[in-house]
Amino acid sequence: MPRKYSYRHRGLIKLFAILGALLGLAICVWQIAGGAPHLLYLYAGITGYGGEIGFYILYVIGIVICVLTILMGMDSTAIPLHWVLCFVFGILILVFGGGVWALILLVIAGTIGIVDELS
């Protein structure tokens, strides 16, 4: 069974983590529904069918990471709420198309967690 970390501002960390994950999830779903190509594919010159498949795979992975982040924020037994995971999931959400604002919210959650752990 994973270790439960006790943070003084646990509710605040959970709030920022879940808000960041929901924002990243909304952006990924919006990008898939809109079908707008990712800038990486435009700069790399990948067009046609191969570019579209890569585009959808990128955002589906982003959706999976956002769902895992929501599970982390909801005190799931599978993924513990920890400040390191907030930073890691934030970077992964940014890489897989969730946007900078989702990263910022998760970095805020991770910063609150590390300050609580060090104090």
PDB file of N, CA and C in Angstrom:
ATOM      1  N   MET A   1       0.849  -1.173   0.000  1.00  0.00           N
ATOM      2  CA  MET A   1       0.000   0.000   0.000  1.00  0.00           C
ATOM      3  C   MET A   1       0.893   1.235   0.000  1.00  0.00           C
ATOM      4  N   PRO A   2       0.584   2.217  -0.871  1.00  0.00           N
ATOM      5  CA  PRO A   2       1.427   3.406  -0.926  1.00  0.00           C
ATOM      6  C   PRO A   2       1.340   4.230   0.345  1.00  0.00           C
ATOM      7  N   ARG A   3       2.428   4.905   0.610  1.00  0.00           N
ATOM      8  CA  ARG A   3       2.503   5.737   1.810  1.00  0.00           C
ATOM      9  C   ARG A   3       1.676   7.000   1.620  1.00  0.00           C
ATOM     10  N   LYS A   4       0.902   7.377   2.611  1.00  0.00           N
ATOM     11  CA  LYS A   4       0.127   8.614   2.589  1.00  0.00           C
ATOM     12  C   LYS A   4       0.995   9.747   3.121  1.00  0.00           C
ATOM     13  N   TYR A   5       1.159  10.768   2.324  1.00  0.00           N
ATOM     14  CA  TYR A   5       1.930  11.925   2.755  1.00  0.00           C
ATOM     15  C   TYR A   5       0.979  12.914   3.407  1.00  0.00           C
ATOM     16  N   SER A   6       1.406  13.488   4.508  1.00  0.00           N
ATOM     17  CA  SER A   6       0.535  14.420   5.220  1.00  0.00           C
ATOM     18  C   SER A   6       1.045  15.840   4.994  1.00  0.00           C
ATOM     19  N   TYR A   7       0.291  16.576   4.233  1.00  0.00           N
ATOM     20  CA  TYR A   7       0.591  17.976   3.967  1.00  0.00           C
ATOM     21  C   TYR A   7      -0.400  18.839   4.744  1.00  0.00           C
ATOM     22  N   ARG A   8       0.062  19.973   5.233  1.00  0.00           N
ATOM     23  CA  ARG A   8      -0.854  20.883   5.923  1.00  0.00           C
ATOM     24  C   ARG A   8      -1.856  21.486   4.951  1.00  0.00           C
ATOM     25  N   HIS A   9      -1.401  21.792   3.758  1.00  0.00           N
ATOM     26  CA  HIS A   9      -2.261  22.420   2.745  1.00  0.00           C
ATOM     27  C   HIS A   9      -2.675  21.386   1.685  1.00  0.00           C
ATOM     28  N   ARG A  10      -3.071  20.223   2.143  1.00  0.00           N
ATOM     29  CA  ARG A  10      -3.437  19.126   1.242  1.00  0.00           C
ATOM     30  C   ARG A  10      -4.592  19.505   0.320  1.00  0.00           C
ATOM     31  N   GLY A  11      -5.580  20.206   0.867  1.00  0.00           N
ATOM     32  CA  GLY A  11      -6.728  20.611   0.054  1.00  0.00           C
ATOM     33  C   GLY A  11      -6.345  21.570  -1.052  1.00  0.00           C
ATOM     34  N   LEU A  12      -5.421  22.468  -0.760  1.00  0.00           N
ATOM     35  CA  LEU A  12      -4.964  23.432  -1.755  1.00  0.00           C
ATOM     36  C   LEU A  12      -4.150  22.742  -2.849  1.00  0.00           C
ATOM     37  N   ILE A  13      -3.331  21.794  -2.456  1.00  0.00           N
ATOM     38  CA  ILE A  13      -2.556  21.029  -3.439  1.00  0.00           C
ATOM     39  C   ILE A  13      -3.495  20.237  -4.347  1.00  0.00           C
ATOM     40  N   LYS A  14      -4.487  19.596  -3.749  1.00  0.00           N
ATOM     41  CA  LYS A  14      -5.456  18.834  -4.533  1.00  0.00           C
ATOM     42  C   LYS A  14      -6.228  19.738  -5.484  1.00  0.00           C
ATOM     43  N   LEU A  15      -6.608  20.932  -5.013  1.00  0.00           N
ATOM     44  CA  LEU A  15      -7.356  21.867  -5.848  1.00  0.00           C
ATOM     45  C   LEU A  15      -6.556  22.265  -7.075  1.00  0.00           C
ATOM     46  N   PHE A  16      -5.297  22.681  -6.876  1.00  0.00           N
ATOM     47  CA  PHE A  16      -4.483  23.106  -8.012  1.00  0.00           C
ATOM     48  C   PHE A  16      -4.171  21.937  -8.947  1.00  0.00           C
ATOM     49  N   ALA A  17      -3.944  20.752  -8.388  1.00  0.00           N
ATOM     50  CA  ALA A  17      -3.644  19.588  -9.226  1.00  0.00           C
ATOM     51  C   ALA A  17      -4.854  19.202 -10.078  1.00  0.00           C
ATOM     52  N   ILE A  18      -6.020  19.187  -9.473  1.00  0.00           N
ATOM     53  CA  ILE A  18      -7.222  18.807 -10.227  1.00  0.00           C
ATOM     54  C   ILE A  18      -7.592  19.882 -11.239  1.00  0.00           C
ATOM     55  N   LEU A  19      -7.465  21.158 -10.871  1.00  0.00           N
ATOM     56  CA  LEU A  19      -7.754  22.228 -11.837  1.00  0.00           C
ATOM     57  C   LEU A  19      -6.798  22.188 -13.020  1.00  0.00           C
ATOM     58  N   GLY A  20      -5.519  21.954 -12.754  1.00  0.00           N
ATOM     59  CA  GLY A  20      -4.544  21.846 -13.840  1.00  0.00           C
ATOM     60  C   GLY A  20      -4.839  20.666 -14.750  1.00  0.00           C
ATOM     61  N   ALA A  21      -5.201  19.544 -14.160  1.00  0.00           N
ATOM     62  CA  ALA A  21      -5.514  18.358 -14.961  1.00  0.00           C
ATOM     63  C   ALA A  21      -6.787  18.562 -15.775  1.00  0.00           C
ATOM     64  N   LEU A  22      -7.787  19.191 -15.181  1.00  0.00           N
ATOM     65  CA  LEU A  22      -9.028  19.447 -15.930  1.00  0.00           C
ATOM     66  C   LEU A  22      -8.797  20.431 -17.072  1.00  0.00           C
ATOM     67  N   LEU A  23      -7.962  21.436 -16.836  1.00  0.00           N
ATOM     68  CA  LEU A  23      -7.645  22.385 -17.905  1.00  0.00           C
ATOM     69  C   LEU A  23      -6.884  21.696 -19.027  1.00  0.00           C
ATOM     70  N   GLY A  24      -5.900  20.867 -18.674  1.00  0.00           N
ATOM     71  CA  GLY A  24      -5.173  20.115 -19.693  1.00  0.00           C
ATOM     72  C   GLY A  24      -6.075  19.160 -20.454  1.00  0.00           C
ATOM     73  N   LEU A  25      -6.998  18.514 -19.746  1.00  0.00           N
ATOM     74  CA  LEU A  25      -7.944  17.609 -20.384  1.00  0.00           C
ATOM     75  C   LEU A  25      -8.845  18.360 -21.357  1.00  0.00           C
ATOM     76  N   ALA A  26      -9.318  19.524 -20.938  1.00  0.00           N
ATOM     77  CA  ALA A  26     -10.180  20.324 -21.815  1.00  0.00           C
ATOM     78  C   ALA A  26      -9.433  20.762 -23.071  1.00  0.00           C
ATOM     79  N   ILE A  27      -8.177  21.146 -22.922  1.00  0.00           N
ATOM     80  CA  ILE A  27      -7.403  21.581 -24.082  1.00  0.00           C
ATOM     81  C   ILE A  27      -7.149  20.411 -25.029  1.00  0.00           C
ATOM     82  N   CYS A  28      -6.811  19.249 -24.497  1.00  0.00           N
ATOM     83  CA  CYS A  28      -6.585  18.075 -25.354  1.00  0.00           C
ATOM     84  C   CYS A  28      -7.850  17.666 -26.105  1.00  0.00           C
ATOM     85  N   VAL A  29      -8.968  17.643 -25.408  1.00  0.00           N
ATOM     86  CA  VAL A  29     -10.229  17.278 -26.066  1.00  0.00           C
ATOM     87  C   VAL A  29     -10.608  18.330 -27.107  1.00  0.00           C
ATOM     88  N   TRP A  30     -10.383  19.601 -26.784  1.00  0.00           N
ATOM     89  CA  TRP A  30     -10.688  20.681 -27.723  1.00  0.00           C
ATOM     90  C   TRP A  30      -9.818  20.587 -28.973  1.00  0.00           C
ATOM     91  N   GLN A  31      -8.556  20.232 -28.803  1.00  0.00           N
ATOM     92  CA  GLN A  31      -7.671  20.094 -29.955  1.00  0.00           C
ATOM     93  C   GLN A  31      -8.080  18.917 -30.829  1.00  0.00           C
ATOM     94  N   ILE A  32      -8.491  17.815 -30.215  1.00  0.00           N
ATOM     95  CA  ILE A  32      -8.932  16.668 -31.013  1.00  0.00           C
ATOM     96  C   ILE A  32     -10.245  16.993 -31.723  1.00  0.00           C
ATOM     97  N   ALA A  33     -11.165  17.646 -31.029  1.00  0.00           N
ATOM     98  CA  ALA A  33     -12.457  17.974 -31.646  1.00  0.00           C
ATOM     99  C   ALA A  33     -12.295  19.004 -32.755  1.00  0.00           C
ATOM    100  N   GLY A  34     -11.381  19.955 -32.549  1.00  0.00           N
ATOM    101  CA  GLY A  34     -11.165  20.985 -33.565  1.00  0.00           C
ATOM    102  C   GLY A  34     -10.317  20.493 -34.718  1.00  0.00           C
ATOM    103  N   GLY A  35      -9.470  19.531 -34.466  1.00  0.00           N
ATOM    104  CA  GLY A  35      -8.638  18.983 -35.524  1.00  0.00           C
ATOM    105  C   GLY A  35      -7.500  19.892 -35.943  1.00  0.00           C
ATOM    106  N   ALA A  36      -7.189  20.900 -35.149  1.00  0.00           N
ATOM    107  CA  ALA A  36      -6.098  21.803 -35.506  1.00  0.00           C
ATOM    108  C   ALA A  36      -4.773  21.066 -35.339  1.00  0.00           C
ATOM    109  N   PRO A  37      -3.909  21.106 -36.360  1.00  0.00           N
ATOM    110  CA  PRO A  37      -2.637  20.387 -36.242  1.00  0.00           C
ATOM    111  C   PRO A  37      -1.724  21.029 -35.210  1.00  0.00           C
ATOM    112  N   HIS A  38      -0.961  20.223 -34.558  1.00  0.00           N
ATOM    113  CA  HIS A  38      -0.021  20.700 -33.559  1.00  0.00           C
ATOM    114  C   HIS A  38       1.125  21.417 -34.276  1.00  0.00           C
ATOM    115  N   LEU A  39       1.651  22.465 -33.676  1.00  0.00           N
ATOM    116  CA  LEU A  39       2.700  23.260 -34.307  1.00  0.00           C
ATOM    117  C   LEU A  39       3.960  22.455 -34.585  1.00  0.00           C
ATOM    118  N   LEU A  40       4.213  21.434 -33.779  1.00  0.00           N
ATOM    119  CA  LEU A  40       5.388  20.601 -34.001  1.00  0.00           C
ATOM    120  C   LEU A  40       5.317  19.941 -35.366  1.00  0.00           C
ATOM    121  N   TYR A  41       4.152  19.471 -35.742  1.00  0.00           N
ATOM    122  CA  TYR A  41       4.011  18.827 -37.037  1.00  0.00           C
ATOM    123  C   TYR A  41       4.095  19.831 -38.179  1.00  0.00           C
ATOM    124  N   LEU A  42       3.620  21.047 -37.953  1.00  0.00           N
ATOM    125  CA  LEU A  42       3.732  22.058 -38.994  1.00  0.00           C
ATOM    126  C   LEU A  42       5.190  22.456 -39.219  1.00  0.00           C
ATOM    127  N   TYR A  43       5.944  22.621 -38.133  1.00  0.00           N
ATOM    128  CA  TYR A  43       7.348  22.999 -38.273  1.00  0.00           C
ATOM    129  C   TYR A  43       8.183  21.867 -38.858  1.00  0.00           C
ATOM    130  N   ALA A  44       7.847  20.647 -38.523  1.00  0.00           N
ATOM    131  CA  ALA A  44       8.603  19.507 -39.030  1.00  0.00           C
ATOM    132  C   ALA A  44       8.234  19.185 -40.473  1.00  0.00           C
ATOM    133  N   GLY A  45       7.146  19.736 -40.963  1.00  0.00           N
ATOM    134  CA  GLY A  45       6.730  19.478 -42.335  1.00  0.00           C
ATOM    135  C   GLY A  45       5.990  18.176 -42.514  1.00  0.00           C
ATOM    136  N   ILE A  46       5.513  17.592 -41.419  1.00  0.00           N
ATOM    137  CA  ILE A  46       4.776  16.330 -41.518  1.00  0.00           C
ATOM    138  C   ILE A  46       3.330  16.663 -41.874  1.00  0.00           C
ATOM    139  N   THR A  47       2.919  16.214 -43.025  1.00  0.00           N
ATOM    140  CA  THR A  47       1.544  16.470 -43.457  1.00  0.00           C
ATOM    141  C   THR A  47       0.936  15.151 -43.914  1.00  0.00           C
ATOM    142  N   GLY A  48      -0.326  15.210 -44.205  1.00  0.00           N
ATOM    143  CA  GLY A  48      -1.007  14.037 -44.716  1.00  0.00           C
ATOM    144  C   GLY A  48      -1.455  13.100 -43.612  1.00  0.00           C
ATOM    145  N   TYR A  49      -1.624  11.843 -43.989  1.00  0.00           N
ATOM    146  CA  TYR A  49      -2.186  10.852 -43.085  1.00  0.00           C
ATOM    147  C   TYR A  49      -1.278  10.563 -41.891  1.00  0.00           C
ATOM    148  N   GLY A  50       0.020  10.486 -42.108  1.00  0.00           N
ATOM    149  CA  GLY A  50       0.951  10.210 -41.022  1.00  0.00           C
ATOM    150  C   GLY A  50       0.952  11.316 -39.979  1.00  0.00           C
ATOM    151  N   GLY A  51       0.850  12.546 -40.416  1.00  0.00           N
ATOM    152  CA  GLY A  51       0.793  13.663 -39.478  1.00  0.00           C
ATOM    153  C   GLY A  51      -0.476  13.662 -38.655  1.00  0.00           C
ATOM    154  N   GLU A  52      -1.584  13.276 -39.259  1.00  0.00           N
ATOM    155  CA  GLU A  52      -2.848  13.234 -38.529  1.00  0.00           C
ATOM    156  C   GLU A  52      -2.855  12.131 -37.470  1.00  0.00           C
ATOM    157  N   ILE A  53      -2.302  10.983 -37.794  1.00  0.00           N
ATOM    158  CA  ILE A  53      -2.254   9.901 -36.814  1.00  0.00           C
ATOM    159  C   ILE A  53      -1.374  10.291 -35.634  1.00  0.00           C
ATOM    160  N   GLY A  54      -0.227  10.892 -35.913  1.00  0.00           N
ATOM    161  CA  GLY A  54       0.646  11.362 -34.841  1.00  0.00           C
ATOM    162  C   GLY A  54      -0.012  12.426 -33.998  1.00  0.00           C
ATOM    163  N   PHE A  55      -0.788  13.282 -34.647  1.00  0.00           N
ATOM    164  CA  PHE A  55      -1.525  14.333 -33.953  1.00  0.00           C
ATOM    165  C   PHE A  55      -2.518  13.736 -32.967  1.00  0.00           C
ATOM    166  N   TYR A  56      -3.271  12.729 -33.395  1.00  0.00           N
ATOM    167  CA  TYR A  56      -4.258  12.115 -32.506  1.00  0.00           C
ATOM    168  C   TYR A  56      -3.594  11.304 -31.392  1.00  0.00           C
ATOM    169  N   ILE A  57      -2.517  10.612 -31.699  1.00  0.00           N
ATOM    170  CA  ILE A  57      -1.807   9.849 -30.674  1.00  0.00           C
ATOM    171  C   ILE A  57      -1.263  10.779 -29.601  1.00  0.00           C
ATOM    172  N   LEU A  58      -0.718  11.917 -30.015  1.00  0.00           N
ATOM    173  CA  LEU A  58      -0.171  12.892 -29.077  1.00  0.00           C
ATOM    174  C   LEU A  58      -1.229  13.335 -28.063  1.00  0.00           C
ATOM    175  N   TYR A  59      -2.402  13.704 -28.539  1.00  0.00           N
ATOM    176  CA  TYR A  59      -3.435  14.212 -27.640  1.00  0.00           C
ATOM    177  C   TYR A  59      -4.133  13.114 -26.849  1.00  0.00           C
ATOM    178  N   VAL A  60      -4.199  11.899 -27.370  1.00  0.00           N
ATOM    179  CA  VAL A  60      -4.772  10.789 -26.596  1.00  0.00           C
ATOM    180  C   VAL A  60      -3.858  10.458 -25.420  1.00  0.00           C
ATOM    181  N   ILE A  61      -2.552  10.482 -25.638  1.00  0.00           N
ATOM    182  CA  ILE A  61      -1.617  10.285 -24.528  1.00  0.00           C
ATOM    183  C   ILE A  61      -1.773  11.411 -23.517  1.00  0.00           C
ATOM    184  N   GLY A  62      -1.980  12.637 -24.000  1.00  0.00           N
ATOM    185  CA  GLY A  62      -2.225  13.766 -23.104  1.00  0.00           C
ATOM    186  C   GLY A  62      -3.474  13.580 -22.268  1.00  0.00           C
ATOM    187  N   ILE A  63      -4.523  13.032 -22.864  1.00  0.00           N
ATOM    188  CA  ILE A  63      -5.763  12.772 -22.125  1.00  0.00           C
ATOM    189  C   ILE A  63      -5.525  11.721 -21.046  1.00  0.00           C
ATOM    190  N   VAL A  64      -4.770  10.681 -21.353  1.00  0.00           N
ATOM    191  CA  VAL A  64      -4.478   9.636 -20.367  1.00  0.00           C
ATOM    192  C   VAL A  64      -3.688  10.221 -19.200  1.00  0.00           C
ATOM    193  N   ILE A  65      -2.712  11.064 -19.474  1.00  0.00           N
ATOM    194  CA  ILE A  65      -1.921  11.684 -18.409  1.00  0.00           C
ATOM    195  C   ILE A  65      -2.792  12.608 -17.565  1.00  0.00           C
ATOM    196  N   CYS A  66      -3.705  13.332 -18.184  1.00  0.00           N
ATOM    197  CA  CYS A  66      -4.614  14.199 -17.425  1.00  0.00           C
ATOM    198  C   CYS A  66      -5.521  13.378 -16.508  1.00  0.00           C
ATOM    199  N   VAL A  67      -6.006  12.246 -16.995  1.00  0.00           N
ATOM    200  CA  VAL A  67      -6.851  11.387 -16.160  1.00  0.00           C
ATOM    201  C   VAL A  67      -6.050  10.829 -14.986  1.00  0.00           C
ATOM    202  N   LEU A  68      -4.796  10.440 -15.229  1.00  0.00           N
ATOM    203  CA  LEU A  68      -3.944   9.966 -14.129  1.00  0.00           C
ATOM    204  C   LEU A  68      -3.689  11.073 -13.108  1.00  0.00           C
ATOM    205  N   THR A  69      -3.561  12.307 -13.579  1.00  0.00           N
ATOM    206  CA  THR A  69      -3.361  13.428 -12.665  1.00  0.00           C
ATOM    207  C   THR A  69      -4.613  13.692 -11.845  1.00  0.00           C
ATOM    208  N   ILE A  70      -5.774  13.558 -12.444  1.00  0.00           N
ATOM    209  CA  ILE A  70      -7.025  13.715 -11.697  1.00  0.00           C
ATOM    210  C   ILE A  70      -7.133  12.622 -10.632  1.00  0.00           C
ATOM    211  N   LEU A  71      -6.758  11.392 -10.978  1.00  0.00           N
ATOM    212  CA  LEU A  71      -6.767  10.308  -9.991  1.00  0.00           C
ATOM    213  C   LEU A  71      -5.804  10.597  -8.853  1.00  0.00           C
ATOM    214  N   MET A  72      -4.650  11.187  -9.162  1.00  0.00           N
ATOM    215  CA  MET A  72      -3.696  11.548  -8.118  1.00  0.00           C
ATOM    216  C   MET A  72      -4.301  12.587  -7.179  1.00  0.00           C
ATOM    217  N   GLY A  73      -5.005  13.555  -7.736  1.00  0.00           N
ATOM    218  CA  GLY A  73      -5.599  14.607  -6.919  1.00  0.00           C
ATOM    219  C   GLY A  73      -6.792  14.143  -6.106  1.00  0.00           C
ATOM    220  N   MET A  74      -7.431  13.062  -6.518  1.00  0.00           N
ATOM    221  CA  MET A  74      -8.603  12.564  -5.799  1.00  0.00           C
ATOM    222  C   MET A  74      -8.248  11.518  -4.755  1.00  0.00           C
ATOM    223  N   ASP A  75      -6.987  11.432  -4.351  1.00  0.00           N
ATOM    224  CA  ASP A  75      -6.512  10.476  -3.344  1.00  0.00           C
ATOM    225  C   ASP A  75      -6.775   9.033  -3.751  1.00  0.00           C
ATOM    226  N   SER A  76      -6.429   8.721  -4.984  1.00  0.00           N
ATOM    227  CA  SER A  76      -6.530   7.341  -5.440  1.00  0.00           C
ATOM    228  C   SER A  76      -5.479   6.495  -4.740  1.00  0.00           C
ATOM    229  N   THR A  77      -5.782   5.234  -4.524  1.00  0.00           N
ATOM    230  CA  THR A  77      -4.803   4.363  -3.898  1.00  0.00           C
ATOM    231  C   THR A  77      -3.706   3.961  -4.882  1.00  0.00           C
ATOM    232  N   ALA A  78      -3.955   4.108  -6.163  1.00  0.00           N
ATOM    233  CA  ALA A  78      -2.962   3.723  -7.165  1.00  0.00           C
ATOM    234  C   ALA A  78      -1.856   4.764  -7.307  1.00  0.00           C
ATOM    235  N   ILE A  79      -2.205   6.046  -7.242  1.00  0.00           N
ATOM    236  CA  ILE A  79      -1.233   7.115  -7.430  1.00  0.00           C
ATOM    237  C   ILE A  79      -1.311   8.051  -6.233  1.00  0.00           C
ATOM    238  N   PRO A  80      -0.265   8.108  -5.404  1.00  0.00           N
ATOM    239  CA  PRO A  80      -0.318   8.990  -4.233  1.00  0.00           C
ATOM    240  C   PRO A  80      -0.131  10.454  -4.613  1.00  0.00           C
ATOM    241  N   LEU A  81      -0.673  11.326  -3.819  1.00  0.00           N
ATOM    242  CA  LEU A  81      -0.507  12.763  -4.018  1.00  0.00           C
ATOM    243  C   LEU A  81       0.858  13.153  -3.460  1.00  0.00           C
ATOM    244  N   HIS A  82       1.776  13.534  -4.337  1.00  0.00           N
ATOM    245  CA  HIS A  82       3.129  13.897  -3.929  1.00  0.00           C
ATOM    246  C   HIS A  82       3.592  15.049  -4.810  1.00  0.00           C
ATOM    247  N   TRP A  83       4.453  15.901  -4.254  1.00  0.00           N
ATOM    248  CA  TRP A  83       4.872  17.087  -4.989  1.00  0.00           C
ATOM    249  C   TRP A  83       5.717  16.744  -6.205  1.00  0.00           C
ATOM    250  N   VAL A  84       6.491  15.668  -6.154  1.00  0.00           N
ATOM    251  CA  VAL A  84       7.294  15.279  -7.308  1.00  0.00           C
ATOM    252  C   VAL A  84       6.392  14.876  -8.472  1.00  0.00           C
ATOM    253  N   LEU A  85       5.335  14.145  -8.165  1.00  0.00           N
ATOM    254  CA  LEU A  85       4.404  13.741  -9.218  1.00  0.00           C
ATOM    255  C   LEU A  85       3.683  14.929  -9.827  1.00  0.00           C
ATOM    256  N   CYS A  86       3.445  15.970  -9.031  1.00  0.00           N
ATOM    257  CA  CYS A  86       2.837  17.187  -9.589  1.00  0.00           C
ATOM    258  C   CYS A  86       3.746  17.802 -10.651  1.00  0.00           C
ATOM    259  N   PHE A  87       5.045  17.876 -10.353  1.00  0.00           N
ATOM    260  CA  PHE A  87       5.987  18.419 -11.336  1.00  0.00           C
ATOM    261  C   PHE A  87       6.092  17.519 -12.571  1.00  0.00           C
ATOM    262  N   VAL A  88       6.190  16.215 -12.357  1.00  0.00           N
ATOM    263  CA  VAL A  88       6.347  15.280 -13.473  1.00  0.00           C
ATOM    264  C   VAL A  88       5.112  15.284 -14.366  1.00  0.00           C
ATOM    265  N   PHE A  89       3.930  15.191 -13.760  1.00  0.00           N
ATOM    266  CA  PHE A  89       2.706  15.204 -14.561  1.00  0.00           C
ATOM    267  C   PHE A  89       2.515  16.549 -15.254  1.00  0.00           C
ATOM    268  N   GLY A  90       2.931  17.632 -14.623  1.00  0.00           N
ATOM    269  CA  GLY A  90       2.837  18.943 -15.265  1.00  0.00           C
ATOM    270  C   GLY A  90       3.692  19.017 -16.523  1.00  0.00           C
ATOM    271  N   ILE A  91       4.910  18.520 -16.441  1.00  0.00           N
ATOM    272  CA  ILE A  91       5.788  18.526 -17.615  1.00  0.00           C
ATOM    273  C   ILE A  91       5.239  17.604 -18.703  1.00  0.00           C
ATOM    274  N   LEU A  92       4.735  16.440 -18.302  1.00  0.00           N
ATOM    275  CA  LEU A  92       4.166  15.523 -19.293  1.00  0.00           C
ATOM    276  C   LEU A  92       2.919  16.101 -19.956  1.00  0.00           C
ATOM    277  N   ILE A  93       2.105  16.798 -19.197  1.00  0.00           N
ATOM    278  CA  ILE A  93       0.921  17.426 -19.785  1.00  0.00           C
ATOM    279  C   ILE A  93       1.330  18.495 -20.781  1.00  0.00           C
ATOM    280  N   LEU A  94       2.366  19.252 -20.464  1.00  0.00           N
ATOM    281  CA  LEU A  94       2.862  20.262 -21.401  1.00  0.00           C
ATOM    282  C   LEU A  94       3.387  19.605 -22.671  1.00  0.00           C
ATOM    283  N   VAL A  95       4.156  18.543 -22.535  1.00  0.00           N
ATOM    284  CA  VAL A  95       4.744  17.874 -23.698  1.00  0.00           C
ATOM    285  C   VAL A  95       3.668  17.266 -24.587  1.00  0.00           C
ATOM    286  N   PHE A  96       2.644  16.698 -23.990  1.00  0.00           N
ATOM    287  CA  PHE A  96       1.616  16.023 -24.775  1.00  0.00           C
ATOM    288  C   PHE A  96       0.400  16.899 -25.046  1.00  0.00           C
ATOM    289  N   GLY A  97       0.586  18.196 -25.116  1.00  0.00           N
ATOM    290  CA  GLY A  97      -0.418  19.088 -25.660  1.00  0.00           C
ATOM    291  C   GLY A  97      -1.423  19.668 -24.701  1.00  0.00           C
ATOM    292  N   GLY A  98      -1.200  19.618 -23.404  1.00  0.00           N
ATOM    293  CA  GLY A  98      -2.168  20.143 -22.444  1.00  0.00           C
ATOM    294  C   GLY A  98      -2.072  21.631 -22.192  1.00  0.00           C
ATOM    295  N   GLY A  99      -1.008  22.249 -22.621  1.00  0.00           N
ATOM    296  CA  GLY A  99      -0.887  23.691 -22.502  1.00  0.00           C
ATOM    297  C   GLY A  99      -0.058  24.148 -21.311  1.00  0.00           C
ATOM    298  N   VAL A 100       0.372  25.391 -21.406  1.00  0.00           N
ATOM    299  CA  VAL A 100       1.237  25.985 -20.398  1.00  0.00           C
ATOM    300  C   VAL A 100       0.473  26.278 -19.113  1.00  0.00           C
ATOM    301  N   TRP A 101      -0.789  26.657 -19.219  1.00  0.00           N
ATOM    302  CA  TRP A 101      -1.546  27.005 -18.012  1.00  0.00           C
ATOM    303  C   TRP A 101      -1.781  25.799 -17.117  1.00  0.00           C
ATOM    304  N   ALA A 102      -1.961  24.638 -17.701  1.00  0.00           N
ATOM    305  CA  ALA A 102      -2.072  23.419 -16.895  1.00  0.00           C
ATOM    306  C   ALA A 102      -0.751  23.131 -16.185  1.00  0.00           C
ATOM    307  N   LEU A 103       0.358  23.352 -16.886  1.00  0.00           N
ATOM    308  CA  LEU A 103       1.670  23.192 -16.266  1.00  0.00           C
ATOM    309  C   LEU A 103       1.846  24.152 -15.109  1.00  0.00           C
ATOM    310  N   ILE A 104       1.443  25.394 -15.274  1.00  0.00           N
ATOM    311  CA  ILE A 104       1.603  26.395 -14.215  1.00  0.00           C
ATOM    312  C   ILE A 104       0.803  25.996 -12.978  1.00  0.00           C
ATOM    313  N   LEU A 105      -0.428  25.531 -13.162  1.00  0.00           N
ATOM    314  CA  LEU A 105      -1.232  25.111 -12.010  1.00  0.00           C
ATOM    315  C   LEU A 105      -0.614  23.918 -11.293  1.00  0.00           C
ATOM    316  N   LEU A 106      -0.061  22.976 -12.039  1.00  0.00           N
ATOM    317  CA  LEU A 106       0.568  21.824 -11.403  1.00  0.00           C
ATOM    318  C   LEU A 106       1.897  22.194 -10.748  1.00  0.00           C
ATOM    319  N   VAL A 107       2.616  23.148 -11.301  1.00  0.00           N
ATOM    320  CA  VAL A 107       3.844  23.611 -10.660  1.00  0.00           C
ATOM    321  C   VAL A 107       3.519  24.340  -9.358  1.00  0.00           C
ATOM    322  N   ILE A 108       2.431  25.094  -9.341  1.00  0.00           N
ATOM    323  CA  ILE A 108       1.996  25.745  -8.099  1.00  0.00           C
ATOM    324  C   ILE A 108       1.658  24.688  -7.047  1.00  0.00           C
ATOM    325  N   ALA A 109       0.952  23.621  -7.462  1.00  0.00           N
ATOM    326  CA  ALA A 109       0.623  22.542  -6.526  1.00  0.00           C
ATOM    327  C   ALA A 109       1.881  21.869  -6.004  1.00  0.00           C
ATOM    328  N   GLY A 110       2.832  21.609  -6.894  1.00  0.00           N
ATOM    329  CA  GLY A 110       4.083  20.991  -6.472  1.00  0.00           C
ATOM    330  C   GLY A 110       4.910  21.889  -5.562  1.00  0.00           C
ATOM    331  N   THR A 111       4.892  23.187  -5.833  1.00  0.00           N
ATOM    332  CA  THR A 111       5.627  24.138  -4.993  1.00  0.00           C
ATOM    333  C   THR A 111       5.025  24.211  -3.594  1.00  0.00           C
ATOM    334  N   ILE A 112       3.712  24.213  -3.504  1.00  0.00           N
ATOM    335  CA  ILE A 112       3.071  24.201  -2.190  1.00  0.00           C
ATOM    336  C   ILE A 112       3.430  22.914  -1.461  1.00  0.00           C
ATOM    337  N   GLY A 113       3.464  21.792  -2.163  1.00  0.00           N
ATOM    338  CA  GLY A 113       3.809  20.518  -1.556  1.00  0.00           C
ATOM    339  C   GLY A 113       5.238  20.475  -1.049  1.00  0.00           C
ATOM    340  N   ILE A 114       6.176  20.997  -1.826  1.00  0.00           N
ATOM    341  CA  ILE A 114       7.578  20.960  -1.387  1.00  0.00           C
ATOM    342  C   ILE A 114       7.813  21.917  -0.225  1.00  0.00           C
ATOM    343  N   VAL A 115       7.121  23.056  -0.224  1.00  0.00           N
ATOM    344  CA  VAL A 115       7.249  23.987   0.899  1.00  0.00           C
ATOM    345  C   VAL A 115       6.674  23.358   2.165  1.00  0.00           C
ATOM    346  N   ASP A 116       5.542  22.671   2.041  1.00  0.00           N
ATOM    347  CA  ASP A 116       4.964  21.980   3.201  1.00  0.00           C
ATOM    348  C   ASP A 116       5.877  20.873   3.713  1.00  0.00           C
ATOM    349  N   GLU A 117       6.513  20.158   2.802  1.00  0.00           N
ATOM    350  CA  GLU A 117       7.382  19.061   3.232  1.00  0.00           C
ATOM    351  C   GLU A 117       8.652  19.587   3.886  1.00  0.00           C
ATOM    352  N   LEU A 118       9.173  20.701   3.408  1.00  0.00           N
ATOM    353  CA  LEU A 118      10.410  21.240   3.976  1.00  0.00           C
ATOM    354  C   LEU A 118      10.196  22.018   5.276  1.00  0.00           C
ATOM    355  N   SER A 119       8.970  22.475   5.517  1.00  0.00           N
ATOM    356  CA  SER A 119       8.731  23.256   6.733  1.00  0.00           C
ATOM    357  C   SER A 119       8.248  22.386   7.879  1.00  0.00           C
TER     358      SER A 119
END
